[in-house]
Amino acid sequence: MMMWGYGPWSGGGSWFWSVVMMAVQVLFWVLIIWFGVSLFKKGNERTDSLSIRNDAMGILRERYARGEIDSEEFHRRKEDLTK
C-alpha cells in the first residue's frame, strides 16, 4: 500500500533537498559570472597585446622611414615582431 506524504521527497526531509537545490543554483550563477568575467579579461589581454604589437610595428616603420635603420634590420625586426 502506498502512503502519501512520507519519504525523502516529501515533508520530512524536504528541507535538506531545498538547501541542496539552493546551493546548486548559487553555484550555477557563480560559475556563469566567473565564466563571463574570464572571457572579458581574456578579450582585454588579446586587445592589449595586439595594440602593443601594432605600436611596435608603427615605431619600426617610422624608424625605417627616417633612415635610422636599413632594410636588412627592418626586415629582421619585423620578422621578430610578427612571431
N, C-alpha and C. Protein backbone atom coordinates (compact mmCIF):
# COMPACT_ATOMS: atom_id res chain seq x y z
N MET A 1 0.84 -1.17 0.00
CA MET A 1 0.00 0.00 0.00
C MET A 1 0.89 1.24 0.00
N MET A 2 0.57 2.19 -0.84
CA MET A 2 1.38 3.39 -0.97
C MET A 2 0.88 4.45 0.01
N MET A 3 1.82 5.06 0.70
CA MET A 3 1.45 6.08 1.68
C MET A 3 1.93 7.44 1.17
N TRP A 4 1.05 8.36 1.04
CA TRP A 4 1.39 9.69 0.55
C TRP A 4 1.91 10.54 1.70
N GLY A 5 2.91 11.37 1.40
CA GLY A 5 3.42 12.28 2.41
C GLY A 5 4.59 11.75 3.19
N TYR A 6 5.15 10.59 2.80
CA TYR A 6 6.30 10.03 3.50
C TYR A 6 7.42 9.81 2.50
N GLY A 7 8.64 9.84 2.98
CA GLY A 7 9.78 9.59 2.13
C GLY A 7 10.65 10.83 1.99
N PRO A 8 11.77 10.68 1.28
CA PRO A 8 12.74 11.78 1.19
C PRO A 8 12.25 12.99 0.40
N TRP A 9 11.27 12.83 -0.49
CA TRP A 9 10.83 13.94 -1.33
C TRP A 9 9.62 14.67 -0.76
N SER A 10 9.18 14.26 0.38
CA SER A 10 8.01 14.93 0.95
C SER A 10 8.30 15.33 2.39
N GLY A 11 7.61 16.31 2.84
CA GLY A 11 7.63 16.81 4.21
C GLY A 11 8.86 16.59 5.06
N GLY A 12 9.14 15.36 5.46
CA GLY A 12 10.15 15.07 6.45
C GLY A 12 11.57 15.51 6.09
N GLY A 13 12.04 15.23 4.88
CA GLY A 13 13.41 15.56 4.52
C GLY A 13 13.52 16.65 3.49
N SER A 14 12.46 17.36 3.23
CA SER A 14 12.47 18.34 2.15
C SER A 14 13.37 19.53 2.44
N TRP A 15 13.61 19.86 3.70
CA TRP A 15 14.49 20.99 4.00
C TRP A 15 15.89 20.70 3.50
N PHE A 16 16.33 19.44 3.60
CA PHE A 16 17.66 19.07 3.13
C PHE A 16 17.78 19.28 1.63
N TRP A 17 16.78 18.81 0.88
CA TRP A 17 16.83 18.94 -0.58
C TRP A 17 16.65 20.40 -0.99
N SER A 18 15.94 21.17 -0.22
CA SER A 18 15.81 22.60 -0.51
C SER A 18 17.16 23.30 -0.39
N VAL A 19 17.91 22.95 0.63
CA VAL A 19 19.25 23.52 0.83
C VAL A 19 20.18 23.07 -0.30
N VAL A 20 20.10 21.81 -0.67
CA VAL A 20 20.95 21.30 -1.75
C VAL A 20 20.63 22.02 -3.06
N MET A 21 19.38 22.16 -3.38
CA MET A 21 18.99 22.83 -4.62
C MET A 21 19.38 24.31 -4.62
N MET A 22 19.27 24.96 -3.48
CA MET A 22 19.68 26.36 -3.38
C MET A 22 21.19 26.47 -3.61
N ALA A 23 21.96 25.55 -3.04
CA ALA A 23 23.41 25.56 -3.22
C ALA A 23 23.77 25.33 -4.69
N VAL A 24 23.04 24.44 -5.36
CA VAL A 24 23.29 24.18 -6.78
C VAL A 24 23.00 25.44 -7.61
N GLN A 25 21.92 26.13 -7.30
CA GLN A 25 21.59 27.36 -8.03
C GLN A 25 22.64 28.44 -7.81
N VAL A 26 23.09 28.60 -6.57
CA VAL A 26 24.12 29.60 -6.28
C VAL A 26 25.40 29.25 -7.02
N LEU A 27 25.79 27.98 -7.00
CA LEU A 27 26.99 27.53 -7.70
C LEU A 27 26.86 27.78 -9.21
N PHE A 28 25.69 27.52 -9.76
CA PHE A 28 25.44 27.75 -11.18
C PHE A 28 25.68 29.22 -11.54
N TRP A 29 25.11 30.14 -10.76
CA TRP A 29 25.26 31.56 -11.08
C TRP A 29 26.68 32.05 -10.84
N VAL A 30 27.35 31.51 -9.84
CA VAL A 30 28.75 31.87 -9.60
C VAL A 30 29.60 31.44 -10.80
N LEU A 31 29.37 30.25 -11.31
CA LEU A 31 30.11 29.78 -12.48
C LEU A 31 29.82 30.61 -13.71
N ILE A 32 28.57 30.99 -13.92
CA ILE A 32 28.21 31.82 -15.07
C ILE A 32 28.92 33.17 -14.98
N ILE A 33 28.90 33.79 -13.82
CA ILE A 33 29.55 35.10 -13.64
C ILE A 33 31.06 34.96 -13.81
N TRP A 34 31.65 33.91 -13.24
CA TRP A 34 33.10 33.70 -13.36
C TRP A 34 33.49 33.51 -14.83
N PHE A 35 32.70 32.74 -15.57
CA PHE A 35 32.97 32.50 -16.98
C PHE A 35 32.91 33.81 -17.77
N GLY A 36 31.90 34.62 -17.50
CA GLY A 36 31.78 35.90 -18.19
C GLY A 36 32.94 36.83 -17.89
N VAL A 37 33.33 36.91 -16.64
CA VAL A 37 34.46 37.78 -16.26
C VAL A 37 35.75 37.28 -16.90
N SER A 38 35.96 35.97 -16.92
CA SER A 38 37.19 35.44 -17.51
C SER A 38 37.23 35.70 -19.01
N LEU A 39 36.09 35.62 -19.69
CA LEU A 39 36.06 35.95 -21.11
C LEU A 39 36.38 37.42 -21.34
N PHE A 40 35.84 38.28 -20.49
CA PHE A 40 36.09 39.72 -20.61
C PHE A 40 37.57 40.01 -20.41
N LYS A 41 38.19 39.41 -19.40
CA LYS A 41 39.61 39.63 -19.15
C LYS A 41 40.46 39.11 -20.29
N LYS A 42 40.14 37.93 -20.79
CA LYS A 42 40.92 37.34 -21.87
C LYS A 42 40.80 38.21 -23.13
N GLY A 43 39.64 38.75 -23.39
CA GLY A 43 39.46 39.63 -24.54
C GLY A 43 40.31 40.89 -24.42
N ASN A 44 40.39 41.46 -23.21
CA ASN A 44 41.21 42.64 -23.00
C ASN A 44 42.69 42.34 -23.16
N GLU A 45 43.14 41.19 -22.69
CA GLU A 45 44.54 40.83 -22.83
C GLU A 45 44.93 40.70 -24.29
N ARG A 46 44.06 40.10 -25.10
CA ARG A 46 44.33 39.97 -26.52
C ARG A 46 44.39 41.34 -27.17
N THR A 47 43.48 42.21 -26.83
CA THR A 47 43.44 43.54 -27.40
C THR A 47 44.70 44.32 -27.02
N ASP A 48 45.12 44.21 -25.76
CA ASP A 48 46.32 44.90 -25.31
C ASP A 48 47.55 44.41 -26.04
N SER A 49 47.70 43.09 -26.20
CA SER A 49 48.89 42.56 -26.87
C SER A 49 48.90 42.95 -28.34
N LEU A 50 47.74 42.98 -28.97
CA LEU A 50 47.68 43.39 -30.37
C LEU A 50 48.02 44.86 -30.53
N SER A 51 47.54 45.70 -29.62
CA SER A 51 47.83 47.13 -29.74
C SER A 51 49.32 47.40 -29.49
N ILE A 52 49.93 46.65 -28.57
CA ILE A 52 51.36 46.80 -28.32
C ILE A 52 52.14 46.38 -29.56
N ARG A 53 51.75 45.26 -30.16
CA ARG A 53 52.43 44.78 -31.36
C ARG A 53 52.28 45.79 -32.50
N ASN A 54 51.07 46.35 -32.65
CA ASN A 54 50.85 47.34 -33.70
C ASN A 54 51.65 48.61 -33.44
N ASP A 55 51.74 49.03 -32.18
CA ASP A 55 52.55 50.21 -31.84
C ASP A 55 54.02 49.97 -32.16
N ALA A 56 54.53 48.79 -31.84
CA ALA A 56 55.92 48.47 -32.11
C ALA A 56 56.18 48.46 -33.61
N MET A 57 55.26 47.91 -34.37
CA MET A 57 55.42 47.89 -35.82
C MET A 57 55.38 49.31 -36.38
N GLY A 58 54.54 50.14 -35.83
CA GLY A 58 54.47 51.54 -36.28
C GLY A 58 55.77 52.27 -36.00
N ILE A 59 56.34 52.05 -34.84
CA ILE A 59 57.62 52.68 -34.49
C ILE A 59 58.71 52.18 -35.42
N LEU A 60 58.69 50.88 -35.70
CA LEU A 60 59.68 50.30 -36.61
C LEU A 60 59.57 50.93 -38.00
N ARG A 61 58.37 51.09 -38.48
CA ARG A 61 58.17 51.73 -39.80
C ARG A 61 58.65 53.17 -39.81
N GLU A 62 58.37 53.89 -38.73
CA GLU A 62 58.83 55.27 -38.64
C GLU A 62 60.35 55.36 -38.65
N ARG A 63 61.00 54.49 -37.90
CA ARG A 63 62.47 54.49 -37.88
C ARG A 63 63.04 54.17 -39.25
N TYR A 64 62.42 53.25 -39.95
CA TYR A 64 62.87 52.91 -41.30
C TYR A 64 62.64 54.08 -42.25
N ALA A 65 61.49 54.73 -42.12
CA ALA A 65 61.19 55.87 -42.99
C ALA A 65 62.14 57.04 -42.74
N ARG A 66 62.57 57.23 -41.50
CA ARG A 66 63.51 58.32 -41.17
C ARG A 66 64.95 57.98 -41.54
N GLY A 67 65.20 56.71 -41.87
CA GLY A 67 66.54 56.30 -42.24
C GLY A 67 67.40 55.90 -41.05
N GLU A 68 66.81 55.72 -39.90
CA GLU A 68 67.57 55.32 -38.71
C GLU A 68 68.03 53.87 -38.80
N ILE A 69 67.28 53.03 -39.51
CA ILE A 69 67.66 51.63 -39.69
C ILE A 69 67.62 51.30 -41.17
N ASP A 70 68.43 50.32 -41.59
CA ASP A 70 68.45 49.93 -43.00
C ASP A 70 67.41 48.84 -43.27
N SER A 71 67.30 48.45 -44.51
CA SER A 71 66.30 47.48 -44.94
C SER A 71 66.49 46.13 -44.26
N GLU A 72 67.74 45.69 -44.15
CA GLU A 72 68.02 44.39 -43.53
C GLU A 72 67.57 44.36 -42.07
N GLU A 73 67.89 45.40 -41.33
CA GLU A 73 67.49 45.45 -39.92
C GLU A 73 65.97 45.57 -39.79
N PHE A 74 65.36 46.34 -40.69
CA PHE A 74 63.90 46.48 -40.69
C PHE A 74 63.23 45.12 -40.84
N HIS A 75 63.66 44.35 -41.84
CA HIS A 75 63.03 43.05 -42.10
C HIS A 75 63.32 42.06 -40.97
N ARG A 76 64.51 42.11 -40.37
CA ARG A 76 64.83 41.22 -39.27
C ARG A 76 63.94 41.52 -38.07
N ARG A 77 63.81 42.80 -37.75
CA ARG A 77 62.97 43.18 -36.60
C ARG A 77 61.49 42.94 -36.88
N LYS A 78 61.09 43.15 -38.12
CA LYS A 78 59.69 42.89 -38.49
C LYS A 78 59.37 41.41 -38.31
N GLU A 79 60.29 40.55 -38.70
CA GLU A 79 60.10 39.11 -38.52
C GLU A 79 60.00 38.77 -37.03
N ASP A 80 60.81 39.40 -36.21
CA ASP A 80 60.77 39.16 -34.77
C ASP A 80 59.42 39.57 -34.17
N LEU A 81 58.89 40.69 -34.66
CA LEU A 81 57.62 41.20 -34.11
C LEU A 81 56.42 40.36 -34.56
N THR A 82 56.49 39.75 -35.72
CA THR A 82 55.34 39.00 -36.22
C THR A 82 55.31 37.56 -35.73
N LYS A 83 56.30 37.14 -34.98
CA LYS A 83 56.32 35.76 -34.44
C LYS A 83 55.29 35.62 -33.35
